Protein backbone atom coordinates (compact mmCIF):
# COMPACT_ATOMS: atom_id res chain seq x y z
CA MET A 1 88.78 93.57 96.03
CA THR A 2 91.12 90.66 96.56
CA PRO A 3 94.79 91.64 96.73
CA ARG A 4 97.31 89.90 94.51
CA ALA A 5 99.77 87.80 96.42
CA GLY A 6 102.85 89.87 97.18
CA GLY A 7 101.75 92.90 95.19
CA PRO A 8 100.35 96.30 96.04
CA VAL A 9 96.63 96.96 96.02
CA ARG A 10 95.56 99.64 93.58
CA ALA A 11 92.58 101.75 94.52
CA THR A 12 89.66 100.96 92.21
CA VAL A 13 88.31 104.50 92.49
CA SER A 14 90.43 107.52 93.15
CA ASP A 15 89.61 108.86 96.60
CA GLY A 16 90.50 112.52 96.31
CA ALA A 17 89.24 113.34 99.81
CA ALA A 18 91.54 110.86 101.57
CA ALA A 19 94.44 111.81 99.32
CA THR A 20 93.95 115.48 100.20
CA LEU A 21 93.79 114.63 103.91
CA VAL A 22 97.06 112.70 103.76
CA ARG A 23 98.81 115.46 101.81
CA ASN A 24 97.47 118.24 104.02
CA ARG A 25 98.34 116.42 107.25
CA ARG A 26 101.86 115.67 105.99
CA ARG A 27 102.36 119.35 105.26
CA GLU A 28 100.89 120.35 108.66
CA VAL A 29 103.45 118.25 110.51
CA GLY A 30 106.22 119.59 108.30
CA LEU A 31 107.31 116.41 106.54
CA THR A 32 108.42 116.08 102.94
CA GLN A 33 107.21 113.15 100.88
CA GLN A 34 110.67 111.59 101.23
CA GLN A 35 110.67 112.03 105.02
CA LEU A 36 107.26 110.36 105.30
CA ALA A 37 108.40 107.56 103.00
CA ASP A 38 111.50 106.99 105.13
CA ALA A 39 109.45 107.07 108.35
CA VAL A 40 107.09 104.33 107.17
CA GLY A 41 109.54 102.27 105.11
CA VAL A 42 108.19 102.79 101.61
CA SER A 43 109.38 104.60 98.49
CA ARG A 44 108.61 108.23 97.77
CA GLN A 45 106.61 106.99 94.78
CA THR A 46 104.31 105.10 97.16
CA VAL A 47 103.68 108.32 99.11
CA ILE A 48 102.94 110.11 95.84
CA SER A 49 100.45 107.36 94.95
CA LEU A 50 98.81 107.61 98.39
CA GLU A 51 98.49 111.37 98.02
CA SER A 52 97.04 111.12 94.52
CA GLY A 53 94.48 108.49 95.57
CA ASP A 54 95.96 105.86 93.24
CA TYR A 55 97.03 103.47 95.99
CA ALA A 56 94.98 101.83 98.72
CA PRO A 57 97.36 101.15 101.61
CA SER A 58 97.40 97.94 103.59
CA VAL A 59 96.18 98.14 107.16
CA TYR A 60 99.78 98.07 108.35
CA LEU A 61 100.83 100.90 106.06
CA ALA A 62 97.76 102.96 106.95
CA LEU A 63 98.61 102.57 110.64
CA ALA A 64 102.25 103.52 110.04
CA VAL A 65 101.28 106.59 108.01
CA ALA A 66 98.78 107.71 110.63
CA ARG A 67 101.35 107.22 113.39
CA ALA A 68 104.01 109.17 111.44
CA LEU A 69 101.51 111.97 110.83
CA GLU A 70 100.47 112.00 114.50
CA THR A 71 96.84 111.26 113.77
CA THR A 72 94.48 108.30 113.39
CA VAL A 73 93.66 106.09 110.43
CA GLU A 74 90.05 107.21 110.74
CA ALA A 75 91.06 110.86 110.41
CA LEU A 76 92.88 110.11 107.16
CA TRP A 77 90.69 107.45 105.55
CA SER A 78 87.17 107.82 106.93
């Protein structure tokens, strides 16, 4: 999948497993969707899309999310 210049990359297939891992980990560390969004510099809607499997994050966003959730990218999107 080639990303559009300047635009977000939409997941071609919903990945429910990764979405569940992100949501569950966020809850484990006690963050709200808004707090996670603020921590990684995105909108709450982006976090909702990540958690629903509708959005494939960039490498930079995946790293930021993993860091904010005190885990690894591999643990969230393996």
